Amino acid sequence: MPPELTLTEPRTRPLLDITRIYYERAAAELPRGQEILARWPDADLVEVESHWRIPELHGDEANVRRWVRIKTEALVLGVKKSLTVRPNGRSADFIAPSTANGCAMACAYCYVPRRKGYSNPITVFSNIDQIAGSIHRHIGRQGVKTEPNQCDPESWLYDIGENSDCSADALVSDNVRDLVKLFKTEPTAKLSFATKYVNRDLLEWDPQGRSRIRFSLMPQPMAKLVDIRTSPIAERIAAINDFVEAGWEVHVNFSPVIVADGWLEEWGELFDQLDAALSERAKAQLSSEVIFLTHNEQLHEVNLGWHPKAEEVLWRPDLQENKISQNGALNVRYKSGAKRGYLAQFKALAARKVPYCDIRYAF
């Protein structure tokens, strides 16, 4: 395994060290594009026709040997074409048009890389004004939320981070900050995103309770194996009180739940760690989501080329069954009967250890 893919040593390189920027001309001409290019004046610039088609980055599984290096050093600058707001109804009421896709982190189970050939560094979109405008108009059409649901009891909830990690995206541009600013002026709506990266710059944004950050948590022994290049679990937990004090609504995602030897005992230890760290104010507003692992056959094959140890817990034919996704890909998930039992055990453990933490959504 190349040195940059060593998984047992602390990360010494920064999460981002951009040396090459691939850009669509239209993106580079926009004010946000100019700002981003100015952040890395020494980077090599490569013009591309489309952020979807970059042979050096996408569609070449040989890139697996350069996976982390690509994520560290490459940045893509594009224009978001589709500005559609999609209904969700599970974690959020709606999925907003993304301000970025891809990620600087490299979690072994992540579904996002499948869309762009797996190496998939951050692609940031320059047309933030159009994205924000489409969200603002959509909120206006909804009116007031009249019935509570599992997403939020009072406000329409918009997930802005379906295909990226917004905390890491904020290292690249002000796109996420602009949306946080927008939602401060939207009394009927909140934004939401999940993250595995603690970016303390966000503590200065003053979201005034209109933005929900969801820290993804799992037991640290498992996270060390599969949550590559992310903030340590203890650091994520330690950030919760600070974010609450800074005006964020803070939830947690217990995700993904991976069934392996001793998994419930490890989750019990995590719940104890969470309970010991949280302030009373943080506990009073805390809620959660529980998402059990779903894996993908093609991702499994790619992972065998760079992180086969993770596949020992992610790819478990003895515990999993096939599920064909909407795009025809073969996914695997825990067998439905067994999963119901796992979920019941998980909920019972959580109710005992962190009874104040409501589970909004479980899958």
Protein backbone atom coordinates (compact mmCIF):
# COMPACT_ATOMS: atom_id res chain seq x y z
CA MET A 1 0.00 0.00 0.00
CA PRO A 2 1.45 3.42 -0.91
CA PRO A 3 2.52 5.60 2.02
CA GLU A 4 -0.33 8.08 1.52
CA LEU A 5 -2.83 5.27 2.07
CA THR A 6 -1.45 4.08 5.38
CA LEU A 7 -4.52 3.84 7.57
CA THR A 8 -3.14 3.23 11.04
CA GLU A 9 -1.06 6.39 11.36
CA PRO A 10 -2.40 9.85 12.27
CA ARG A 11 -3.00 12.11 9.31
CA THR A 12 -0.02 14.48 9.01
CA ARG A 13 -0.95 16.17 5.73
CA PRO A 14 -3.72 18.76 5.76
CA LEU A 15 -7.13 17.64 4.59
CA LEU A 16 -6.66 19.85 1.52
CA ASP A 17 -3.42 20.87 -0.15
CA ILE A 18 -4.69 22.00 -3.54
CA THR A 19 -2.12 21.88 -6.33
CA ARG A 20 -4.39 21.47 -9.37
CA ILE A 21 -7.78 22.98 -10.17
CA TYR A 22 -9.93 21.65 -12.98
CA TYR A 23 -12.42 24.31 -14.03
CA GLU A 24 -15.29 24.93 -16.37
CA ARG A 25 -14.80 28.30 -18.04
CA ALA A 26 -18.28 29.50 -17.05
CA ALA A 27 -17.55 28.62 -13.42
CA ALA A 28 -14.22 30.43 -13.38
CA GLU A 29 -15.84 33.59 -14.76
CA LEU A 30 -18.36 33.91 -11.93
CA PRO A 31 -17.46 35.96 -8.82
CA ARG A 32 -17.42 32.88 -6.57
CA GLY A 33 -15.20 31.08 -9.05
CA GLN A 34 -12.77 33.99 -9.04
CA GLU A 35 -12.69 33.92 -5.23
CA ILE A 36 -11.91 30.21 -5.19
CA LEU A 37 -9.14 30.51 -7.77
CA ALA A 38 -7.61 33.34 -5.74
CA ARG A 39 -7.35 31.07 -2.68
CA TRP A 40 -4.83 28.86 -4.46
CA PRO A 41 -2.88 31.18 -6.76
CA ASP A 42 -0.07 28.67 -7.25
CA ALA A 43 -2.29 25.78 -8.31
CA ASP A 44 -2.06 24.44 -11.86
CA LEU A 45 -5.22 25.30 -13.80
CA VAL A 46 -6.75 22.83 -16.23
CA GLU A 47 -9.80 23.87 -18.26
CA VAL A 48 -12.38 21.10 -18.78
CA GLU A 49 -15.62 20.97 -20.73
CA SER A 50 -17.59 19.40 -17.89
CA HIS A 51 -17.01 18.66 -14.23
CA TRP A 52 -18.64 15.28 -14.92
CA ARG A 53 -16.04 14.19 -17.47
CA ILE A 54 -12.44 14.46 -16.32
CA PRO A 55 -10.55 11.32 -17.39
CA GLU A 56 -7.68 11.94 -14.96
CA LEU A 57 -10.14 11.81 -12.04
CA HIS A 58 -13.28 9.97 -13.06
CA GLY A 59 -14.06 6.59 -14.49
CA ASP A 60 -10.59 5.12 -14.07
CA GLU A 61 -10.51 2.60 -11.26
CA ALA A 62 -6.73 2.54 -11.52
CA ASN A 63 -6.97 5.80 -9.59
CA VAL A 64 -7.63 3.72 -6.50
CA ARG A 65 -3.88 3.71 -5.84
CA ARG A 66 -3.90 7.53 -5.86
CA TRP A 67 -7.24 7.89 -4.11
CA VAL A 68 -6.19 9.96 -1.10
CA ARG A 69 -3.64 12.00 -3.03
CA ILE A 70 -6.31 13.01 -5.55
CA LYS A 71 -8.69 14.01 -2.76
CA THR A 72 -5.98 16.11 -1.10
CA GLU A 73 -4.54 17.85 -4.12
CA ALA A 74 -7.33 18.18 -6.71
CA LEU A 75 -10.26 20.58 -6.79
CA VAL A 76 -12.94 20.88 -9.45
CA LEU A 77 -14.81 24.09 -10.21
CA GLY A 78 -18.14 23.75 -12.00
CA VAL A 79 -21.61 25.17 -12.56
CA LYS A 80 -24.63 23.42 -11.07
CA LYS A 81 -27.03 22.77 -13.94
CA SER A 82 -30.03 21.28 -12.14
CA LEU A 83 -31.54 23.61 -9.56
CA THR A 84 -34.43 21.31 -8.67
CA VAL A 85 -35.51 20.98 -5.05
CA ARG A 86 -36.58 17.37 -4.48
CA PRO A 87 -38.99 16.04 -1.85
CA ASN A 88 -37.51 13.66 0.73
CA GLY A 89 -39.65 13.18 3.83
CA ARG A 90 -37.17 11.03 5.73
CA SER A 91 -34.20 12.91 7.14
CA ALA A 92 -35.43 16.21 5.68
CA ASP A 93 -38.54 17.50 3.99
CA PHE A 94 -36.58 18.47 0.88
CA ILE A 95 -33.19 17.95 -0.75
CA ALA A 96 -31.80 21.29 -1.91
CA PRO A 97 -29.61 21.73 -4.98
CA SER A 98 -26.10 20.99 -3.80
CA THR A 99 -23.39 23.63 -3.67
CA ALA A 100 -20.74 20.91 -4.08
CA ASN A 101 -20.29 17.21 -4.59
CA GLY A 102 -17.49 14.83 -3.79
CA CYS A 103 -15.43 14.89 -0.63
CA ALA A 104 -11.92 15.30 0.71
CA MET A 105 -12.52 12.42 3.10
CA ALA A 106 -12.52 8.77 2.06
CA CYS A 107 -15.00 6.73 4.12
CA ALA A 108 -14.89 3.17 2.88
CA TYR A 109 -18.69 2.74 2.72
CA CYS A 110 -19.63 6.09 1.14
CA TYR A 111 -22.13 5.96 -1.72
CA VAL A 112 -21.22 9.38 -3.18
CA PRO A 113 -18.03 8.34 -5.04
CA ARG A 114 -19.95 5.86 -7.19
CA ARG A 115 -21.31 8.72 -9.26
CA LYS A 116 -17.95 9.99 -10.49
CA GLY A 117 -15.58 7.10 -10.68
CA TYR A 118 -14.68 6.71 -7.01
CA SER A 119 -11.70 9.04 -6.52
CA ASN A 120 -14.20 11.95 -6.58
CA PRO A 121 -12.50 14.96 -4.96
CA ILE A 122 -14.52 18.05 -4.08
CA THR A 123 -16.35 19.72 -6.94
CA VAL A 124 -17.58 23.15 -5.87
CA PHE A 125 -20.23 25.05 -7.80
CA SER A 126 -19.73 28.74 -8.53
CA ASN A 127 -23.32 29.72 -9.31
CA ILE A 128 -24.25 30.09 -5.65
CA ASP A 129 -26.62 32.99 -6.35
CA GLN A 130 -28.73 30.80 -8.63
CA ILE A 131 -28.69 27.94 -6.12
CA ALA A 132 -29.70 30.20 -3.23
CA GLY A 133 -32.39 31.84 -5.35
CA SER A 134 -33.96 28.52 -6.26
CA ILE A 135 -34.10 27.49 -2.58
CA HIS A 136 -35.56 30.84 -1.52
CA ARG A 137 -38.32 30.65 -4.13
CA HIS A 138 -39.14 27.07 -3.15
CA ILE A 139 -39.45 28.01 0.52
CA GLY A 140 -41.80 30.83 -0.42
CA ARG A 141 -44.07 28.43 -2.28
CA GLN A 142 -44.41 26.11 0.73
CA GLY A 143 -46.03 28.57 3.08
CA VAL A 144 -46.15 27.75 6.78
CA LYS A 145 -45.67 24.15 7.93
CA THR A 146 -48.95 23.26 9.60
CA GLU A 147 -48.25 19.72 10.83
CA PRO A 148 -45.19 18.41 12.66
CA ASN A 149 -43.33 15.43 11.21
CA GLN A 150 -40.17 13.45 11.85
CA CYS A 151 -38.07 16.03 10.00
CA ASP A 152 -39.00 18.98 12.19
CA PRO A 153 -42.06 19.91 14.24
CA GLU A 154 -42.33 23.49 12.97
CA SER A 155 -40.05 24.30 10.03
CA TRP A 156 -39.57 22.94 6.54
CA LEU A 157 -36.18 21.20 6.63
CA TYR A 158 -33.82 21.41 3.62
CA ASP A 159 -30.80 19.10 3.39
CA ILE A 160 -28.02 21.00 1.62
CA GLY A 161 -25.33 18.31 1.85
CA GLU A 162 -26.67 15.22 0.09
CA ASN A 163 -23.52 14.68 -2.01
CA SER A 164 -20.77 16.29 0.04
CA ASP A 165 -19.65 17.19 3.55
CA CYS A 166 -20.51 20.85 4.05
CA SER A 167 -18.02 21.35 6.90
CA ALA A 168 -15.20 20.38 4.53
CA ASP A 169 -16.77 22.34 1.67
CA ALA A 170 -16.50 25.44 3.85
CA LEU A 171 -12.71 25.12 3.61
CA VAL A 172 -13.02 25.75 -0.12
CA SER A 173 -15.60 28.51 -0.53
CA ASP A 174 -18.24 30.62 1.20
CA ASN A 175 -21.10 28.70 -0.42
CA VAL A 176 -22.26 26.98 2.75
CA ARG A 177 -21.91 30.15 4.79
CA ASP A 178 -24.06 31.98 2.22
CA LEU A 179 -26.83 29.41 2.69
CA VAL A 180 -26.61 29.65 6.48
CA LYS A 181 -27.01 33.40 6.07
CA LEU A 182 -30.00 32.87 3.75
CA PHE A 183 -31.83 30.62 6.20
CA LYS A 184 -31.50 33.18 8.98
CA THR A 185 -34.00 35.21 6.95
CA GLU A 186 -36.39 32.29 6.33
CA PRO A 187 -38.73 32.00 9.36
CA THR A 188 -40.51 28.93 7.96
CA ALA A 189 -37.46 26.83 7.07
CA LYS A 190 -34.15 25.44 8.34
CA LEU A 191 -31.17 23.97 6.56
CA SER A 192 -29.51 20.71 7.59
CA PHE A 193 -26.39 18.76 6.79
CA ALA A 194 -24.48 15.81 8.19
CA THR A 195 -20.74 15.99 8.80
CA LYS A 196 -17.76 13.94 9.92
CA TYR A 197 -15.40 16.88 10.00
CA VAL A 198 -15.13 19.43 12.80
CA ASN A 199 -14.65 22.86 11.24
CA ARG A 200 -14.61 25.35 14.09
CA ASP A 201 -14.79 28.29 11.71
CA LEU A 202 -18.52 27.55 11.59
CA LEU A 203 -18.81 28.63 15.23
CA GLU A 204 -18.51 32.24 14.09
CA TRP A 205 -21.45 32.13 11.66
CA ASP A 206 -24.29 32.93 14.09
CA PRO A 207 -26.99 30.73 12.49
CA GLN A 208 -29.56 31.80 15.08
CA GLY A 209 -31.10 28.34 15.34
CA ARG A 210 -32.03 28.17 11.66
CA SER A 211 -29.32 25.66 10.72
CA ARG A 212 -29.05 22.06 11.90
CA ILE A 213 -25.66 20.35 11.89
CA ARG A 214 -25.72 16.58 12.34
CA PHE A 215 -22.49 15.04 13.62
CA SER A 216 -22.18 11.46 12.39
CA LEU A 217 -21.04 9.13 15.14
CA MET A 218 -19.98 5.51 15.45
CA PRO A 219 -17.75 3.65 17.92
CA GLN A 220 -14.15 4.80 17.54
CA PRO A 221 -12.67 1.31 16.90
CA MET A 222 -14.93 0.95 13.85
CA ALA A 223 -14.41 4.57 12.80
CA LYS A 224 -10.65 4.04 12.83
CA LEU A 225 -11.14 1.27 10.29
CA VAL A 226 -13.72 2.77 7.93
CA ASP A 227 -13.97 6.56 8.53
CA ILE A 228 -10.82 7.52 6.65
CA ARG A 229 -9.48 11.10 6.94
CA THR A 230 -12.35 12.23 9.17
CA SER A 231 -12.25 13.99 12.53
CA PRO A 232 -11.90 11.53 15.44
CA ILE A 233 -15.16 10.58 17.14
CA ALA A 234 -14.08 12.20 20.42
CA GLU A 235 -13.45 15.47 18.59
CA ARG A 236 -16.92 15.38 17.01
CA ILE A 237 -18.56 14.74 20.38
CA ALA A 238 -16.50 17.47 22.05
CA ALA A 239 -17.71 19.97 19.44
CA ILE A 240 -21.42 19.50 20.15
CA ASN A 241 -21.68 21.77 23.19
CA ASP A 242 -19.72 24.51 21.45
CA PHE A 243 -21.95 24.42 18.39
CA VAL A 244 -25.08 24.55 20.53
CA GLU A 245 -23.72 27.59 22.36
CA ALA A 246 -22.90 29.20 19.01
CA GLY A 247 -26.53 29.08 17.87
CA TRP A 248 -26.60 25.86 15.89
CA GLU A 249 -29.21 23.19 16.32
CA VAL A 250 -27.13 20.05 16.81
CA HIS A 251 -28.33 16.52 16.15
CA VAL A 252 -26.36 13.31 15.77
CA ASN A 253 -26.43 10.60 13.16
CA PHE A 254 -25.66 7.15 14.48
CA SER A 255 -24.39 6.10 11.10
CA PRO A 256 -23.59 3.73 9.68
CA VAL A 257 -24.38 1.02 12.17
CA ILE A 258 -22.14 -1.89 11.19
CA VAL A 259 -22.85 -5.30 12.64
CA ALA A 260 -19.68 -7.08 13.77
CA ASP A 261 -18.39 -8.93 16.82
CA GLY A 262 -19.06 -6.86 19.92
CA TRP A 263 -20.93 -4.16 18.03
CA LEU A 264 -23.59 -3.52 20.70
CA GLU A 265 -21.01 -3.30 23.47
CA GLU A 266 -19.06 -0.74 21.47
CA TRP A 267 -22.19 1.31 20.85
CA GLY A 268 -22.92 1.21 24.56
CA GLU A 269 -19.50 2.68 25.23
CA LEU A 270 -20.14 5.39 22.64
CA PHE A 271 -23.46 6.31 24.27
CA ASP A 272 -21.71 6.56 27.63
CA GLN A 273 -19.07 8.82 26.09
CA LEU A 274 -21.75 11.01 24.53
CA ASP A 275 -23.76 11.25 27.74
CA ALA A 276 -20.71 12.24 29.79
CA ALA A 277 -19.72 14.99 27.35
CA LEU A 278 -23.01 16.77 26.69
CA SER A 279 -24.22 19.84 28.55
CA GLU A 280 -27.81 19.96 29.76
CA ARG A 281 -28.59 22.49 27.05
CA ALA A 282 -27.19 20.18 24.37
CA LYS A 283 -29.14 17.22 25.72
CA ALA A 284 -32.39 19.18 25.76
CA GLN A 285 -32.28 19.87 22.02
CA LEU A 286 -30.65 16.63 20.87
CA SER A 287 -32.26 14.24 18.41
CA SER A 288 -30.84 11.55 16.16
CA GLU A 289 -31.05 9.39 13.09
CA VAL A 290 -30.04 5.73 12.91
CA ILE A 291 -28.86 4.37 9.58
CA PHE A 292 -27.68 0.80 9.19
CA LEU A 293 -25.02 0.02 6.62
CA THR A 294 -25.92 -0.35 2.96
CA HIS A 295 -23.02 -1.40 0.75
CA ASN A 296 -22.46 -1.72 -2.99
CA GLU A 297 -20.93 -4.51 -5.02
CA GLN A 298 -18.88 -2.25 -7.29
CA LEU A 299 -17.60 -0.21 -4.36
CA HIS A 300 -16.68 -3.48 -2.66
CA GLU A 301 -14.54 -4.43 -5.65
CA VAL A 302 -12.83 -1.03 -5.71
CA ASN A 303 -12.19 -1.12 -1.96
CA LEU A 304 -10.40 -4.44 -2.30
CA GLY A 305 -7.75 -2.52 -4.22
CA TRP A 306 -6.95 -0.04 -1.46
CA HIS A 307 -8.55 -1.03 1.84
CA PRO A 308 -9.44 -4.75 1.93
CA LYS A 309 -9.43 -4.81 5.74
CA ALA A 310 -12.55 -2.65 5.78
CA GLU A 311 -14.34 -5.09 3.51
CA GLU A 312 -14.09 -7.75 6.19
CA VAL A 313 -16.81 -5.86 8.11
CA LEU A 314 -18.58 -4.08 5.23
CA TRP A 315 -19.08 -7.05 2.90
CA ARG A 316 -20.81 -9.79 4.88
CA PRO A 317 -22.72 -12.18 2.57
CA ASP A 318 -23.61 -14.25 5.62
CA LEU A 319 -25.55 -11.31 7.09
CA GLN A 320 -26.62 -9.38 4.00
CA GLU A 321 -29.11 -9.68 1.16
CA ASN A 322 -29.18 -8.10 -2.28
CA LYS A 323 -31.14 -4.99 -3.11
CA ILE A 324 -31.29 -3.51 -6.61
CA SER A 325 -31.13 0.28 -6.45
CA GLN A 326 -33.17 2.66 -8.59
CA ASN A 327 -30.26 3.01 -11.01
CA GLY A 328 -29.88 -0.76 -11.37
CA ALA A 329 -26.79 -1.14 -9.18
CA LEU A 330 -26.48 -4.13 -6.86
CA ASN A 331 -26.52 -3.03 -3.24
CA VAL A 332 -26.41 -5.22 -0.17
CA ARG A 333 -28.05 -4.57 3.20
CA TYR A 334 -28.64 -6.61 6.31
CA LYS A 335 -31.28 -9.31 5.89
CA SER A 336 -34.63 -7.73 6.68
CA GLY A 337 -35.64 -10.10 9.48
CA ALA A 338 -32.28 -9.86 11.21
CA LYS A 339 -32.15 -6.10 10.72
CA ARG A 340 -35.41 -5.65 12.60
CA GLY A 341 -33.81 -7.47 15.51
CA TYR A 342 -30.61 -5.40 15.31
CA LEU A 343 -32.62 -2.18 15.24
CA ALA A 344 -34.74 -3.22 18.21
CA GLN A 345 -31.58 -4.00 20.19
CA PHE A 346 -30.02 -0.69 19.17
CA LYS A 347 -33.09 1.33 20.15
CA ALA A 348 -33.36 -0.40 23.49
CA LEU A 349 -29.71 0.30 24.25
CA ALA A 350 -30.03 3.95 23.23
CA ALA A 351 -33.20 4.38 25.32
CA ARG A 352 -31.33 3.10 28.35
CA LYS A 353 -28.08 5.01 27.84
CA VAL A 354 -29.24 8.31 26.27
CA PRO A 355 -33.01 8.45 26.98
CA TYR A 356 -33.24 12.18 26.13
CA CYS A 357 -32.04 11.53 22.56
CA ASP A 358 -35.11 10.96 20.41
CA ILE A 359 -34.62 8.85 17.29
CA ARG A 360 -36.32 10.83 14.52
CA TYR A 361 -35.59 8.44 11.71
CA ALA A 362 -34.23 4.90 11.46
CA PHE A 363 -33.34 2.99 8.33
